[in-house]
């Protein structure tokens, strides 16, 4: 298998400069097409996975989830205000005389 490939490479190395240039241009073009093709496949895959993640996040955030989060925030704020008010009432009273 590799013997035939080595023989082919030797044939190109021993050939005319025009043939070497032709093989260089052809192999470069084929390599560029492969690299760009793989890059496009990767970009398509990454864009599709990004869109799927965005759709999942949109569907997970519904009305009830937002309502529940809002109630938690408001409840915590009210509880903190009640605690502060209770501490002010039961706290030590200080009078400053000047």
N, C-alpha and C. Protein backbone atom coordinates (compact mmCIF):
# COMPACT_ATOMS: atom_id res chain seq x y z
N UNK A 1 0.83 -1.19 0.00
CA UNK A 1 0.00 0.00 0.00
C UNK A 1 0.87 1.25 0.00
N UNK A 2 1.80 1.33 0.96
CA UNK A 2 2.67 2.51 1.04
C UNK A 2 3.74 2.49 -0.04
N UNK A 3 4.07 1.31 -0.53
CA UNK A 3 5.07 1.22 -1.58
C UNK A 3 4.60 1.93 -2.84
N UNK A 4 3.32 1.74 -3.21
CA UNK A 4 2.77 2.41 -4.38
C UNK A 4 2.73 3.92 -4.19
N UNK A 5 2.43 4.36 -2.99
CA UNK A 5 2.39 5.80 -2.70
C UNK A 5 3.80 6.40 -2.76
N UNK A 6 4.77 5.68 -2.19
CA UNK A 6 6.15 6.17 -2.24
C UNK A 6 6.65 6.24 -3.69
N UNK A 7 6.27 5.27 -4.46
CA UNK A 7 6.67 5.25 -5.88
C UNK A 7 6.05 6.44 -6.62
N UNK A 8 4.80 6.73 -6.33
CA UNK A 8 4.11 7.86 -6.95
C UNK A 8 4.77 9.18 -6.56
N UNK A 9 5.14 9.34 -5.28
CA UNK A 9 5.81 10.56 -4.81
C UNK A 9 7.19 10.70 -5.47
N UNK A 10 7.92 9.60 -5.58
CA UNK A 10 9.22 9.63 -6.25
C UNK A 10 9.08 10.06 -7.70
N UNK A 11 8.01 9.57 -8.35
CA UNK A 11 7.76 9.93 -9.75
C UNK A 11 7.51 11.43 -9.88
N UNK A 12 6.75 11.99 -8.94
CA UNK A 12 6.49 13.43 -8.97
C UNK A 12 7.78 14.21 -8.68
N UNK A 13 8.59 13.74 -7.73
CA UNK A 13 9.83 14.43 -7.39
C UNK A 13 10.81 14.45 -8.57
N UNK A 14 10.83 13.43 -9.36
CA UNK A 14 11.75 13.34 -10.48
C UNK A 14 11.18 13.94 -11.76
N UNK A 15 10.00 14.48 -11.71
CA UNK A 15 9.37 14.99 -12.92
C UNK A 15 9.73 16.45 -13.17
N UNK A 16 9.17 17.00 -14.21
CA UNK A 16 9.39 18.37 -14.66
C UNK A 16 8.79 19.38 -13.66
N UNK A 17 9.32 20.62 -13.66
CA UNK A 17 8.83 21.67 -12.74
C UNK A 17 7.36 22.01 -12.99
N UNK A 18 6.91 22.00 -14.23
CA UNK A 18 5.50 22.30 -14.53
C UNK A 18 4.58 21.25 -13.94
N UNK A 19 4.99 20.01 -13.98
CA UNK A 19 4.16 18.93 -13.39
C UNK A 19 4.14 19.08 -11.88
N UNK A 20 5.27 19.43 -11.27
CA UNK A 20 5.31 19.65 -9.81
C UNK A 20 4.37 20.79 -9.40
N UNK A 21 4.39 21.89 -10.19
CA UNK A 21 3.51 23.02 -9.90
C UNK A 21 2.05 22.62 -10.03
N UNK A 22 1.74 21.83 -11.06
CA UNK A 22 0.36 21.38 -11.27
C UNK A 22 -0.11 20.53 -10.08
N UNK A 23 0.74 19.62 -9.62
CA UNK A 23 0.38 18.78 -8.47
C UNK A 23 0.27 19.61 -7.19
N UNK A 24 1.14 20.62 -7.05
CA UNK A 24 1.08 21.50 -5.89
C UNK A 24 -0.24 22.27 -5.86
N UNK A 25 -0.63 22.83 -6.99
CA UNK A 25 -1.88 23.60 -7.06
C UNK A 25 -3.07 22.69 -6.83
N UNK A 26 -3.08 21.51 -7.44
CA UNK A 26 -4.21 20.58 -7.28
C UNK A 26 -4.33 20.09 -5.84
N UNK A 27 -3.21 19.72 -5.22
CA UNK A 27 -3.28 19.23 -3.84
C UNK A 27 -3.66 20.36 -2.88
N UNK A 28 -3.19 21.58 -3.14
CA UNK A 28 -3.57 22.71 -2.30
C UNK A 28 -5.06 23.01 -2.42
N UNK A 29 -5.59 22.95 -3.64
CA UNK A 29 -7.02 23.20 -3.85
C UNK A 29 -7.86 22.15 -3.15
N UNK A 30 -7.48 20.89 -3.27
CA UNK A 30 -8.23 19.81 -2.61
C UNK A 30 -8.18 19.97 -1.10
N UNK A 31 -7.02 20.31 -0.56
CA UNK A 31 -6.89 20.51 0.88
C UNK A 31 -7.73 21.69 1.35
N UNK A 32 -7.73 22.78 0.59
CA UNK A 32 -8.54 23.94 0.96
C UNK A 32 -10.02 23.60 0.96
N UNK A 33 -10.47 22.85 -0.03
CA UNK A 33 -11.88 22.46 -0.08
C UNK A 33 -12.24 21.59 1.12
N UNK A 34 -11.36 20.66 1.48
CA UNK A 34 -11.62 19.81 2.65
C UNK A 34 -11.67 20.63 3.95
N UNK A 35 -10.72 21.54 4.12
CA UNK A 35 -10.68 22.34 5.35
C UNK A 35 -11.92 23.24 5.44
N UNK A 36 -12.25 23.91 4.35
CA UNK A 36 -13.42 24.79 4.36
C UNK A 36 -14.70 23.98 4.55
N UNK A 37 -14.77 22.80 3.95
CA UNK A 37 -15.94 21.94 4.13
C UNK A 37 -16.10 21.50 5.58
N UNK A 38 -15.01 21.08 6.21
CA UNK A 38 -15.07 20.69 7.63
C UNK A 38 -15.44 21.89 8.50
N UNK A 39 -14.91 23.06 8.18
CA UNK A 39 -15.23 24.27 8.93
C UNK A 39 -16.72 24.60 8.81
N UNK A 40 -17.27 24.49 7.61
CA UNK A 40 -18.70 24.77 7.41
C UNK A 40 -19.57 23.77 8.16
N UNK A 41 -19.17 22.51 8.16
CA UNK A 41 -19.92 21.49 8.91
C UNK A 41 -19.90 21.82 10.40
N UNK A 42 -18.73 22.21 10.90
CA UNK A 42 -18.62 22.57 12.32
C UNK A 42 -19.48 23.79 12.65
N UNK A 43 -19.43 24.81 11.80
CA UNK A 43 -20.23 26.01 12.03
C UNK A 43 -21.72 25.69 12.02
N UNK A 44 -22.15 24.84 11.10
CA UNK A 44 -23.56 24.45 11.03
C UNK A 44 -23.96 23.72 12.32
N UNK A 45 -23.10 22.83 12.79
CA UNK A 45 -23.39 22.08 14.02
C UNK A 45 -23.45 23.02 15.22
N UNK A 46 -22.50 23.97 15.31
CA UNK A 46 -22.48 24.85 16.48
C UNK A 46 -23.66 25.82 16.47
N UNK A 47 -24.07 26.30 15.30
CA UNK A 47 -25.23 27.19 15.23
C UNK A 47 -26.50 26.44 15.59
N UNK A 48 -26.64 25.21 15.11
CA UNK A 48 -27.82 24.42 15.45
C UNK A 48 -27.88 24.12 16.94
N UNK A 49 -26.74 23.79 17.55
CA UNK A 49 -26.75 23.50 18.99
C UNK A 49 -27.05 24.78 19.79
N UNK A 50 -26.57 25.94 19.32
CA UNK A 50 -26.87 27.20 19.99
C UNK A 50 -28.36 27.50 19.91
N UNK A 51 -28.97 27.28 18.74
CA UNK A 51 -30.40 27.53 18.58
C UNK A 51 -31.22 26.59 19.46
N UNK A 52 -30.80 25.33 19.56
CA UNK A 52 -31.52 24.38 20.41
C UNK A 52 -31.45 24.81 21.87
N UNK A 53 -30.28 25.26 22.32
CA UNK A 53 -30.13 25.72 23.71
C UNK A 53 -30.98 26.95 23.97
N UNK A 54 -31.04 27.85 23.00
CA UNK A 54 -31.85 29.06 23.17
C UNK A 54 -33.33 28.71 23.25
N UNK A 55 -33.78 27.77 22.44
CA UNK A 55 -35.18 27.36 22.48
C UNK A 55 -35.51 26.68 23.80
N UNK A 56 -34.58 25.88 24.33
CA UNK A 56 -34.82 25.22 25.61
C UNK A 56 -34.93 26.26 26.72
N UNK A 57 -34.08 27.27 26.69
CA UNK A 57 -34.12 28.29 27.72
C UNK A 57 -35.40 29.10 27.63
N UNK A 58 -35.86 29.37 26.43
CA UNK A 58 -37.11 30.11 26.28
C UNK A 58 -38.29 29.30 26.79
N UNK A 59 -38.30 28.01 26.50
CA UNK A 59 -39.43 27.19 26.93
C UNK A 59 -39.40 26.93 28.43
N UNK A 60 -38.22 26.92 29.05
CA UNK A 60 -38.14 26.68 30.48
C UNK A 60 -38.60 27.90 31.29
N UNK A 61 -38.43 29.08 30.78
CA UNK A 61 -38.81 30.29 31.49
C UNK A 61 -40.23 30.65 31.12
N UNK A 62 -41.16 30.19 31.93
CA UNK A 62 -42.56 30.46 31.67
C UNK A 62 -43.12 31.44 32.68
N UNK A 63 -44.41 31.68 32.58
CA UNK A 63 -45.09 32.64 33.45
C UNK A 63 -44.97 32.23 34.91
N UNK A 64 -45.23 30.96 35.22
CA UNK A 64 -45.23 30.54 36.61
C UNK A 64 -43.85 30.61 37.23
N UNK A 65 -42.82 30.34 36.45
CA UNK A 65 -41.46 30.44 36.97
C UNK A 65 -41.13 31.89 37.32
N UNK A 66 -41.51 32.81 36.47
CA UNK A 66 -41.27 34.24 36.73
C UNK A 66 -42.10 34.70 37.92
N UNK A 67 -43.38 34.27 37.98
CA UNK A 67 -44.25 34.65 39.09
C UNK A 67 -43.70 34.15 40.42
N UNK A 68 -43.23 32.91 40.44
CA UNK A 68 -42.68 32.32 41.66
C UNK A 68 -41.42 33.08 42.10
N UNK A 69 -40.55 33.40 41.16
CA UNK A 69 -39.34 34.15 41.50
C UNK A 69 -39.68 35.53 42.04
N UNK A 70 -40.65 36.18 41.42
CA UNK A 70 -41.09 37.49 41.91
C UNK A 70 -41.65 37.41 43.31
N UNK A 71 -42.47 36.39 43.59
CA UNK A 71 -43.02 36.22 44.95
C UNK A 71 -41.92 35.98 45.96
N UNK A 72 -40.91 35.21 45.59
CA UNK A 72 -39.79 34.96 46.50
C UNK A 72 -39.06 36.26 46.84
N UNK A 73 -38.81 37.07 45.83
CA UNK A 73 -38.10 38.34 46.06
C UNK A 73 -38.93 39.27 46.91
N UNK A 74 -40.21 39.41 46.61
CA UNK A 74 -41.08 40.31 47.38
C UNK A 74 -41.23 39.79 48.81
N UNK A 75 -41.42 38.50 48.98
CA UNK A 75 -41.55 37.92 50.32
C UNK A 75 -40.30 38.13 51.15
N UNK A 76 -39.15 37.96 50.56
CA UNK A 76 -37.89 38.17 51.29
C UNK A 76 -37.73 39.64 51.68
N UNK A 77 -38.10 40.54 50.78
CA UNK A 77 -38.01 41.98 51.07
C UNK A 77 -38.95 42.36 52.22
N UNK A 78 -40.17 41.85 52.21
CA UNK A 78 -41.13 42.14 53.27
C UNK A 78 -40.63 41.58 54.59
N UNK A 79 -40.10 40.37 54.58
CA UNK A 79 -39.60 39.74 55.80
C UNK A 79 -38.44 40.55 56.38
N UNK A 80 -37.54 41.04 55.54
CA UNK A 80 -36.43 41.86 56.02
C UNK A 80 -36.93 43.17 56.63
N UNK A 81 -37.95 43.79 56.03
CA UNK A 81 -38.51 45.02 56.58
C UNK A 81 -39.18 44.77 57.92
N UNK A 82 -39.89 43.65 58.06
CA UNK A 82 -40.54 43.30 59.33
C UNK A 82 -39.49 43.07 60.40
N UNK A 83 -38.42 42.36 60.07
CA UNK A 83 -37.35 42.12 61.05
C UNK A 83 -36.69 43.42 61.49
N UNK A 84 -36.43 44.31 60.54
CA UNK A 84 -35.81 45.59 60.90
C UNK A 84 -36.74 46.42 61.79
N UNK A 85 -38.01 46.42 61.47
CA UNK A 85 -38.99 47.16 62.27
C UNK A 85 -39.08 46.58 63.68
N UNK A 86 -39.09 45.25 63.80
CA UNK A 86 -39.16 44.61 65.11
C UNK A 86 -37.90 44.91 65.92
N UNK A 87 -36.76 44.95 65.29
CA UNK A 87 -35.52 45.26 66.01
C UNK A 87 -35.53 46.71 66.50
N UNK A 88 -36.11 47.60 65.69
CA UNK A 88 -36.19 49.00 66.13
C UNK A 88 -37.11 49.14 67.34
N UNK A 89 -38.20 48.38 67.37
CA UNK A 89 -39.15 48.46 68.48
C UNK A 89 -38.55 47.86 69.75
N UNK A 90 -37.97 46.68 69.64
CA UNK A 90 -37.45 46.00 70.81
C UNK A 90 -36.03 46.39 71.15
N UNK A 91 -35.38 47.14 70.31
CA UNK A 91 -33.99 47.51 70.53
C UNK A 91 -33.81 48.47 71.69
N UNK A 92 -32.61 48.66 72.09
CA UNK A 92 -32.29 49.55 73.20
C UNK A 92 -32.46 50.99 72.75
N UNK A 93 -33.11 51.75 73.60
CA UNK A 93 -33.36 53.15 73.27
C UNK A 93 -32.25 54.00 73.89
N UNK A 94 -31.72 54.90 73.08
CA UNK A 94 -30.63 55.73 73.55
C UNK A 94 -31.02 57.20 73.43
N UNK A 95 -30.72 57.95 74.46
CA UNK A 95 -31.00 59.39 74.44
C UNK A 95 -29.66 60.08 74.53
N UNK A 96 -29.45 61.00 73.65
CA UNK A 96 -28.20 61.76 73.62
C UNK A 96 -28.50 63.14 74.15
N UNK A 97 -27.78 63.52 75.22
CA UNK A 97 -27.97 64.85 75.81
C UNK A 97 -26.71 65.66 75.46
N UNK A 98 -26.97 66.83 74.92
CA UNK A 98 -25.84 67.67 74.56
C UNK A 98 -25.70 68.83 75.49
